[in-house]
Structures are given as C-alpha cells and as structure tokens.
Amino acid sequence: MELMAGLMLPAARRVAEGTVPVLVPVPLSAAKKRERGFNQAELLARAISRNTGWRVSELLRRSRSGPALVHLGRRQRERAATGAYTLDRRATDPFERLPPVVIVDDVITTGATGAACAEALEAAGATCLGIVSFCRTDPLAGST
C-alpha cells in the first residue's frame, strides 16, 4: 500500500490545492467488506495520510448494496452508483462543519462511483476537492 499511496501523492496534493483536506475512502457494502476483510480504498487513504498528516474519515457509507460493477457498462454503472452512498452522521461528530474532502478509491473506471460519493458529500455541505485513485481503466471500455 505504501508504494501505491506514494505514487498517488502528487495527484492528491494537486487536488488538495494547498488546503488540508480530510481523506474520504470510497466505502464498501458491509457484505463486501466482510467477504474481503478490508477496504482497499481505506488502506490507500491511511497510507496517504501517513505521508501527508491529513486525517482519514469514513464520512460515507454505502446505503444500499448493488451489483458488482466490474461487469457493467457505463450507463449501468451510473444507475447502480446513483444514490448508493450517504453521509454517515456518526462520522461527522468531531467536525463543527464538514471540511474540504478528497475522495480516495483504488480504481476509476467510468467515474460513476466517485461522482455518486461527491454528490452525497456535497449534499451534506462538504466541499469535494476531487478524487484520487491508484489507476484508471480505459474510459472507453464498457461504454454501453
């Protein structure tokens, strides 16, 4: 994770635009986290935090499970991600008001997950500075 996070640092710093953001990992459904035993986005966010001192907060939760996105096309991914994330009010307790945030994910395919996470954060009053990920797949793949 440290190597991957190190490669993500320049992008994270660019997205942060000189602010001290809170890193928000893209959440997994409870079932997926139990199955896998970890959330790779959370591990990446914590590794970035160790290099920057930025706080990690699990401000989002997956409010509903959906199909695995890996085999879905662009439009199907957008439909599956829309409304799938909500603010976890338990995670906001330490904040007087929500700070600027940077979303952390492992892979961006179509951007639907990041967009859905940003919408949930912004609806709650956070300023979403952007999303960083370890890699991006071919944006034209799965474009149906």
N, C-alpha and C. Protein backbone atom coordinates (compact mmCIF):
# COMPACT_ATOMS: atom_id res chain seq x y z
N MET A 1 0.81 -1.20 0.00
CA MET A 1 0.00 0.00 0.00
C MET A 1 0.86 1.27 0.00
N GLU A 2 1.98 1.22 0.71
CA GLU A 2 2.82 2.41 0.79
C GLU A 2 3.32 2.83 -0.58
N LEU A 3 3.72 1.87 -1.39
CA LEU A 3 4.20 2.18 -2.74
C LEU A 3 3.07 2.79 -3.57
N MET A 4 1.91 2.17 -3.51
CA MET A 4 0.77 2.69 -4.28
C MET A 4 0.40 4.10 -3.82
N ALA A 5 0.34 4.29 -2.51
CA ALA A 5 0.00 5.62 -1.98
C ALA A 5 1.05 6.64 -2.36
N GLY A 6 2.31 6.23 -2.36
CA GLY A 6 3.38 7.15 -2.76
C GLY A 6 3.21 7.62 -4.19
N LEU A 7 2.75 6.73 -5.05
CA LEU A 7 2.51 7.11 -6.45
C LEU A 7 1.28 8.02 -6.58
N MET A 8 0.37 7.94 -5.61
CA MET A 8 -0.83 8.77 -5.63
C MET A 8 -0.60 10.16 -5.02
N LEU A 9 0.47 10.32 -4.26
CA LEU A 9 0.70 11.57 -3.54
C LEU A 9 0.72 12.83 -4.41
N PRO A 10 1.43 12.84 -5.55
CA PRO A 10 1.41 14.07 -6.35
C PRO A 10 0.01 14.49 -6.77
N ALA A 11 -0.81 13.51 -7.17
CA ALA A 11 -2.18 13.84 -7.57
C ALA A 11 -2.99 14.32 -6.37
N ALA A 12 -2.81 13.68 -5.22
CA ALA A 12 -3.54 14.09 -4.01
C ALA A 12 -3.19 15.52 -3.63
N ARG A 13 -1.92 15.85 -3.70
CA ARG A 13 -1.51 17.22 -3.35
C ARG A 13 -2.06 18.25 -4.35
N ARG A 14 -2.09 17.87 -5.64
CA ARG A 14 -2.67 18.77 -6.65
C ARG A 14 -4.15 19.00 -6.39
N VAL A 15 -4.86 17.93 -6.10
CA VAL A 15 -6.30 18.03 -5.86
C VAL A 15 -6.57 18.86 -4.60
N ALA A 16 -5.73 18.71 -3.59
CA ALA A 16 -5.93 19.43 -2.33
C ALA A 16 -5.75 20.94 -2.48
N GLU A 17 -5.04 21.37 -3.51
CA GLU A 17 -4.89 22.80 -3.81
C GLU A 17 -4.39 23.62 -2.62
N GLY A 18 -3.44 23.08 -1.86
CA GLY A 18 -2.88 23.82 -0.75
C GLY A 18 -3.70 23.80 0.52
N THR A 19 -4.85 23.14 0.52
CA THR A 19 -5.66 23.04 1.73
C THR A 19 -5.21 21.82 2.53
N VAL A 20 -5.80 21.64 3.69
CA VAL A 20 -5.58 20.43 4.49
C VAL A 20 -6.91 19.68 4.49
N PRO A 21 -7.10 18.82 3.50
CA PRO A 21 -8.39 18.14 3.38
C PRO A 21 -8.48 16.92 4.29
N VAL A 22 -9.66 16.39 4.37
CA VAL A 22 -9.90 15.11 5.00
C VAL A 22 -10.00 14.09 3.87
N LEU A 23 -9.33 12.97 4.02
CA LEU A 23 -9.38 11.90 3.03
C LEU A 23 -10.58 11.01 3.33
N VAL A 24 -11.41 10.80 2.32
CA VAL A 24 -12.62 10.00 2.49
C VAL A 24 -12.55 8.80 1.56
N PRO A 25 -12.32 7.60 2.11
CA PRO A 25 -12.28 6.42 1.26
C PRO A 25 -13.67 6.05 0.75
N VAL A 26 -13.73 5.55 -0.47
CA VAL A 26 -14.99 5.04 -1.01
C VAL A 26 -15.36 3.81 -0.19
N PRO A 27 -16.56 3.80 0.39
CA PRO A 27 -16.92 2.66 1.25
C PRO A 27 -17.36 1.44 0.44
N LEU A 28 -17.18 0.29 1.06
CA LEU A 28 -17.71 -0.96 0.53
C LEU A 28 -19.02 -1.26 1.24
N SER A 29 -19.83 -2.11 0.65
CA SER A 29 -21.00 -2.59 1.38
C SER A 29 -20.50 -3.43 2.54
N ALA A 30 -21.30 -3.56 3.58
CA ALA A 30 -20.90 -4.36 4.74
C ALA A 30 -20.60 -5.80 4.33
N ALA A 31 -21.40 -6.35 3.43
CA ALA A 31 -21.20 -7.73 2.99
C ALA A 31 -19.87 -7.87 2.25
N LYS A 32 -19.56 -6.91 1.38
CA LYS A 32 -18.30 -6.97 0.62
C LYS A 32 -17.10 -6.82 1.55
N LYS A 33 -17.21 -5.95 2.54
CA LYS A 33 -16.10 -5.76 3.47
C LYS A 33 -15.89 -7.02 4.32
N ARG A 34 -16.98 -7.67 4.74
CA ARG A 34 -16.86 -8.93 5.48
C ARG A 34 -16.21 -10.00 4.62
N GLU A 35 -16.62 -10.08 3.37
CA GLU A 35 -16.09 -11.08 2.44
C GLU A 35 -14.60 -10.87 2.19
N ARG A 36 -14.22 -9.64 1.94
CA ARG A 36 -12.85 -9.31 1.59
C ARG A 36 -11.96 -9.17 2.82
N GLY A 37 -12.53 -8.67 3.90
CA GLY A 37 -11.78 -8.48 5.13
C GLY A 37 -11.11 -7.12 5.25
N PHE A 38 -11.20 -6.31 4.24
CA PHE A 38 -10.60 -4.98 4.25
C PHE A 38 -11.24 -4.15 3.14
N ASN A 39 -11.02 -2.84 3.23
CA ASN A 39 -11.45 -1.92 2.19
C ASN A 39 -10.17 -1.32 1.59
N GLN A 40 -9.88 -1.66 0.36
CA GLN A 40 -8.63 -1.22 -0.26
C GLN A 40 -8.55 0.30 -0.36
N ALA A 41 -9.67 0.98 -0.57
CA ALA A 41 -9.64 2.45 -0.61
C ALA A 41 -9.27 3.03 0.76
N GLU A 42 -9.76 2.41 1.81
CA GLU A 42 -9.41 2.87 3.16
C GLU A 42 -7.92 2.66 3.44
N LEU A 43 -7.37 1.53 3.03
CA LEU A 43 -5.94 1.27 3.22
C LEU A 43 -5.10 2.30 2.46
N LEU A 44 -5.51 2.64 1.24
CA LEU A 44 -4.79 3.65 0.46
C LEU A 44 -4.89 5.02 1.14
N ALA A 45 -6.09 5.37 1.62
CA ALA A 45 -6.27 6.66 2.29
C ALA A 45 -5.39 6.75 3.54
N ARG A 46 -5.32 5.68 4.30
CA ARG A 46 -4.49 5.69 5.52
C ARG A 46 -3.00 5.81 5.17
N ALA A 47 -2.58 5.18 4.07
CA ALA A 47 -1.18 5.29 3.65
C ALA A 47 -0.87 6.72 3.18
N ILE A 48 -1.80 7.34 2.46
CA ILE A 48 -1.62 8.73 2.04
C ILE A 48 -1.55 9.62 3.28
N SER A 49 -2.40 9.34 4.25
CA SER A 49 -2.42 10.11 5.49
C SER A 49 -1.07 10.05 6.22
N ARG A 50 -0.45 8.89 6.23
CA ARG A 50 0.84 8.77 6.90
C ARG A 50 1.91 9.64 6.23
N ASN A 51 1.73 9.92 4.94
CA ASN A 51 2.69 10.75 4.21
C ASN A 51 2.36 12.24 4.24
N THR A 52 1.13 12.59 4.55
CA THR A 52 0.71 13.99 4.50
C THR A 52 0.28 14.56 5.84
N GLY A 53 -0.12 13.68 6.75
CA GLY A 53 -0.68 14.14 8.01
C GLY A 53 -2.16 14.47 7.91
N TRP A 54 -2.74 14.31 6.72
CA TRP A 54 -4.16 14.59 6.55
C TRP A 54 -4.97 13.51 7.25
N ARG A 55 -6.06 13.90 7.82
CA ARG A 55 -6.94 12.98 8.54
C ARG A 55 -7.73 12.11 7.56
N VAL A 56 -8.03 10.90 7.97
CA VAL A 56 -8.91 10.00 7.23
C VAL A 56 -10.21 9.90 8.01
N SER A 57 -11.32 10.03 7.32
CA SER A 57 -12.62 9.88 7.97
C SER A 57 -13.55 9.11 7.05
N GLU A 58 -14.20 8.14 7.62
CA GLU A 58 -15.17 7.37 6.85
C GLU A 58 -16.51 8.09 6.90
N LEU A 59 -16.56 9.24 6.23
CA LEU A 59 -17.76 10.08 6.23
C LEU A 59 -18.91 9.46 5.44
N LEU A 60 -18.58 8.55 4.54
CA LEU A 60 -19.62 7.95 3.70
C LEU A 60 -19.88 6.52 4.11
N ARG A 61 -21.10 6.10 3.83
CA ARG A 61 -21.41 4.68 3.94
C ARG A 61 -22.19 4.28 2.71
N ARG A 62 -22.08 3.04 2.40
CA ARG A 62 -22.83 2.51 1.26
C ARG A 62 -24.24 2.25 1.78
N SER A 63 -25.21 3.02 1.30
CA SER A 63 -26.57 2.96 1.84
C SER A 63 -27.37 1.79 1.29
N ARG A 64 -26.93 1.26 0.19
CA ARG A 64 -27.61 0.08 -0.36
C ARG A 64 -26.61 -0.72 -1.17
N SER A 65 -26.81 -2.01 -1.13
CA SER A 65 -25.95 -2.88 -1.93
C SER A 65 -26.45 -2.87 -3.36
N GLY A 66 -25.57 -3.17 -4.24
CA GLY A 66 -25.93 -3.25 -5.64
C GLY A 66 -25.10 -4.33 -6.29
N PRO A 67 -25.26 -4.47 -7.58
CA PRO A 67 -24.48 -5.49 -8.26
C PRO A 67 -23.00 -5.12 -8.29
N ALA A 68 -22.15 -6.12 -8.44
CA ALA A 68 -20.73 -5.84 -8.64
C ALA A 68 -20.61 -5.06 -9.94
N LEU A 69 -19.86 -3.97 -9.90
CA LEU A 69 -19.79 -3.09 -11.08
C LEU A 69 -18.83 -3.60 -12.15
N VAL A 70 -18.02 -4.57 -11.81
CA VAL A 70 -16.94 -4.99 -12.70
C VAL A 70 -17.41 -5.40 -14.09
N HIS A 71 -18.61 -5.98 -14.19
CA HIS A 71 -19.09 -6.44 -15.50
C HIS A 71 -20.14 -5.53 -16.11
N LEU A 72 -20.35 -4.38 -15.53
CA LEU A 72 -21.38 -3.47 -16.03
C LEU A 72 -20.78 -2.43 -16.97
N GLY A 73 -21.59 -1.99 -17.91
CA GLY A 73 -21.19 -0.92 -18.82
C GLY A 73 -21.37 0.43 -18.15
N ARG A 74 -21.00 1.48 -18.86
CA ARG A 74 -21.02 2.84 -18.32
C ARG A 74 -22.39 3.23 -17.76
N ARG A 75 -23.43 3.11 -18.55
CA ARG A 75 -24.75 3.55 -18.10
C ARG A 75 -25.27 2.70 -16.94
N GLN A 76 -24.99 1.40 -16.98
CA GLN A 76 -25.40 0.53 -15.88
C GLN A 76 -24.67 0.90 -14.60
N ARG A 77 -23.40 1.24 -14.71
CA ARG A 77 -22.62 1.67 -13.53
C ARG A 77 -23.20 2.95 -12.94
N GLU A 78 -23.54 3.89 -13.81
CA GLU A 78 -24.11 5.15 -13.33
C GLU A 78 -25.41 4.91 -12.59
N ARG A 79 -26.27 4.05 -13.14
CA ARG A 79 -27.54 3.74 -12.47
C ARG A 79 -27.30 3.05 -11.13
N ALA A 80 -26.36 2.12 -11.10
CA ALA A 80 -26.08 1.37 -9.87
C ALA A 80 -25.48 2.26 -8.78
N ALA A 81 -24.67 3.25 -9.17
CA ALA A 81 -23.99 4.10 -8.19
C ALA A 81 -24.86 5.24 -7.69
N THR A 82 -25.79 5.72 -8.49
CA THR A 82 -26.61 6.86 -8.11
C THR A 82 -27.40 6.56 -6.84
N GLY A 83 -27.20 7.38 -5.83
CA GLY A 83 -27.92 7.23 -4.57
C GLY A 83 -27.42 6.10 -3.69
N ALA A 84 -26.32 5.46 -4.06
CA ALA A 84 -25.82 4.32 -3.28
C ALA A 84 -25.00 4.74 -2.07
N TYR A 85 -24.65 6.02 -1.96
CA TYR A 85 -23.79 6.49 -0.86
C TYR A 85 -24.49 7.61 -0.10
N THR A 86 -24.34 7.59 1.21
CA THR A 86 -24.91 8.64 2.05
C THR A 86 -23.88 9.02 3.11
N LEU A 87 -24.09 10.18 3.68
CA LEU A 87 -23.22 10.64 4.75
C LEU A 87 -23.50 9.81 6.00
N ASP A 88 -22.45 9.36 6.65
CA ASP A 88 -22.58 8.63 7.91
C ASP A 88 -22.50 9.66 9.01
N ARG A 89 -23.63 10.04 9.56
CA ARG A 89 -23.70 11.10 10.57
C ARG A 89 -22.85 10.79 11.79
N ARG A 90 -22.62 9.51 12.09
CA ARG A 90 -21.76 9.16 13.24
C ARG A 90 -20.34 9.65 13.00
N ALA A 91 -19.90 9.69 11.75
CA ALA A 91 -18.53 10.10 11.43
C ALA A 91 -18.37 11.61 11.43
N THR A 92 -19.46 12.35 11.44
CA THR A 92 -19.37 13.82 11.38
C THR A 92 -19.27 14.44 12.76
N ASP A 93 -19.47 13.68 13.82
CA ASP A 93 -19.47 14.22 15.19
C ASP A 93 -18.26 15.09 15.51
N PRO A 94 -17.02 14.69 15.12
CA PRO A 94 -15.89 15.53 15.51
C PRO A 94 -15.79 16.84 14.72
N PHE A 95 -16.60 17.01 13.70
CA PHE A 95 -16.49 18.20 12.85
C PHE A 95 -17.57 19.21 13.20
N GLU A 96 -17.15 20.46 13.43
CA GLU A 96 -18.11 21.54 13.62
C GLU A 96 -18.88 21.75 12.31
N ARG A 97 -18.13 21.82 11.24
CA ARG A 97 -18.72 21.82 9.90
C ARG A 97 -17.80 20.97 9.04
N LEU A 98 -18.35 20.43 8.01
CA LEU A 98 -17.57 19.50 7.19
C LEU A 98 -16.42 20.21 6.50
N PRO A 99 -15.23 19.64 6.57
CA PRO A 99 -14.05 20.23 5.94
C PRO A 99 -14.01 19.91 4.45
N PRO A 100 -13.08 20.52 3.71
CA PRO A 100 -12.89 20.10 2.33
C PRO A 100 -12.41 18.64 2.33
N VAL A 101 -12.87 17.89 1.36
CA VAL A 101 -12.54 16.46 1.31
C VAL A 101 -11.93 16.08 -0.03
N VAL A 102 -11.13 15.02 0.02
CA VAL A 102 -10.62 14.36 -1.17
C VAL A 102 -11.06 12.91 -1.06
N ILE A 103 -11.76 12.44 -2.06
CA ILE A 103 -12.23 11.06 -2.10
C ILE A 103 -11.07 10.18 -2.58
N VAL A 104 -10.92 9.02 -1.95
CA VAL A 104 -9.86 8.08 -2.32
C VAL A 104 -10.49 6.77 -2.76
N ASP A 105 -10.08 6.29 -3.92
CA ASP A 105 -10.54 4.99 -4.44
C ASP A 105 -9.34 4.26 -5.00
N ASP A 106 -9.50 2.98 -5.26
CA ASP A 106 -8.39 2.22 -5.83
C ASP A 106 -8.36 2.33 -7.34
N VAL A 107 -9.53 2.24 -7.98
CA VAL A 107 -9.61 2.25 -9.45
C VAL A 107 -10.78 3.12 -9.87
N ILE A 108 -10.56 3.94 -10.88
CA ILE A 108 -11.66 4.68 -11.50
C ILE A 108 -11.89 4.04 -12.86
N THR A 109 -13.13 3.66 -13.11
CA THR A 109 -13.46 3.09 -14.42
C THR A 109 -14.24 4.14 -15.21
N THR A 110 -15.47 4.40 -14.81
CA THR A 110 -16.26 5.41 -15.53
C THR A 110 -16.37 6.71 -14.75
N GLY A 111 -16.05 6.66 -13.47
CA GLY A 111 -16.21 7.84 -12.62
C GLY A 111 -17.55 7.88 -11.91
N ALA A 112 -18.42 6.90 -12.15
CA ALA A 112 -19.75 6.90 -11.56
C ALA A 112 -19.70 6.81 -10.04
N THR A 113 -18.83 5.98 -9.50
CA THR A 113 -18.73 5.85 -8.04
C THR A 113 -18.25 7.16 -7.42
N GLY A 114 -17.21 7.74 -7.97
CA GLY A 114 -16.69 8.99 -7.46
C GLY A 114 -17.72 10.10 -7.53
N ALA A 115 -18.45 10.16 -8.62
CA ALA A 115 -19.49 11.18 -8.77
C ALA A 115 -20.58 11.00 -7.73
N ALA A 116 -20.99 9.75 -7.49
CA ALA A 116 -22.04 9.49 -6.50
C ALA A 116 -21.56 9.84 -5.09
N CYS A 117 -20.29 9.54 -4.80
CA CYS A 117 -19.73 9.90 -3.49
C CYS A 117 -19.65 11.42 -3.34
N ALA A 118 -19.20 12.10 -4.37
CA ALA A 118 -19.10 13.57 -4.33
C ALA A 118 -20.48 14.19 -4.14
N GLU A 119 -21.49 13.67 -4.82
CA GLU A 119 -22.85 14.20 -4.67
C GLU A 119 -23.33 14.07 -3.24
N ALA A 120 -23.08 12.91 -2.62
CA ALA A 120 -23.52 12.70 -1.24
C ALA A 120 -22.80 13.65 -0.29
N LEU A 121 -21.51 13.84 -0.48
CA LEU A 121 -20.74 14.74 0.38
C LEU A 121 -21.18 16.19 0.20
N GLU A 122 -21.34 16.60 -1.04
CA GLU A 122 -21.75 17.99 -1.31
C GLU A 122 -23.17 18.26 -0.82
N ALA A 123 -24.06 17.26 -0.92
CA ALA A 123 -25.42 17.44 -0.41
C ALA A 123 -25.42 17.65 1.09
N ALA A 124 -24.41 17.12 1.77
CA ALA A 124 -24.28 17.28 3.22
C ALA A 124 -23.52 18.55 3.60
N GLY A 125 -23.04 19.29 2.61
CA GLY A 125 -22.37 20.56 2.89
C GLY A 125 -20.86 20.54 2.80
N ALA A 126 -20.28 19.42 2.40
CA ALA A 126 -18.82 19.35 2.26
C ALA A 126 -18.41 19.92 0.90
N THR A 127 -17.20 20.42 0.85
CA THR A 127 -16.61 20.83 -0.43
C THR A 127 -15.75 19.67 -0.89
N CYS A 128 -16.12 19.09 -2.00
CA CYS A 128 -15.37 17.96 -2.54
C CYS A 128 -14.34 18.52 -3.53
N LEU A 129 -13.07 18.38 -3.17
CA LEU A 129 -11.99 18.91 -4.00
C LEU A 129 -11.69 18.03 -5.19
N GLY A 130 -12.00 16.73 -5.09
CA GLY A 130 -11.77 15.81 -6.18
C GLY A 130 -11.60 14.39 -5.67
N ILE A 131 -11.19 13.54 -6.58
CA ILE A 131 -10.99 12.13 -6.26
C ILE A 131 -9.61 11.71 -6.75
N VAL A 132 -8.94 10.89 -5.98
CA VAL A 132 -7.66 10.32 -6.40
C VAL A 132 -7.79 8.81 -6.35
N SER A 133 -7.11 8.16 -7.28
CA SER A 133 -7.12 6.70 -7.31
C SER A 133 -5.75 6.21 -7.76
N PHE A 134 -5.52 4.94 -7.53
CA PHE A 134 -4.25 4.37 -7.94
C PHE A 134 -4.20 4.24 -9.46
N CYS A 135 -5.29 3.87 -10.08
CA CYS A 135 -5.28 3.74 -11.54
C CYS A 135 -6.64 4.06 -12.12
N ARG A 136 -6.64 4.23 -13.40
CA ARG A 136 -7.87 4.48 -14.16
C ARG A 136 -7.88 3.50 -15.31
N THR A 137 -9.02 2.87 -15.51
CA THR A 137 -9.12 1.95 -16.62
C THR A 137 -9.40 2.73 -17.89
N ASP A 138 -9.42 2.05 -18.99
CA ASP A 138 -9.72 2.68 -20.28
C ASP A 138 -11.14 3.24 -20.22
N PRO A 139 -11.27 4.56 -20.33
CA PRO A 139 -12.59 5.18 -20.19
C PRO A 139 -13.56 4.75 -21.30
N LEU A 140 -13.06 4.20 -22.38
CA LEU A 140 -13.95 3.75 -23.46
C LEU A 140 -14.40 2.32 -23.27
N ALA A 141 -13.77 1.59 -22.37
CA ALA A 141 -14.16 0.20 -22.12
C ALA A 141 -15.52 0.19 -21.44
N GLY A 142 -16.35 -0.71 -21.82
CA GLY A 142 -17.66 -0.84 -21.18
C GLY A 142 -18.54 0.38 -21.38
N SER A 143 -18.49 1.01 -22.54
CA SER A 143 -19.21 2.26 -22.74
C SER A 143 -20.66 2.07 -23.12
N THR A 144 -21.18 0.88 -22.99
CA THR A 144 -22.58 0.66 -23.34
C THR A 144 -23.53 1.07 -22.26
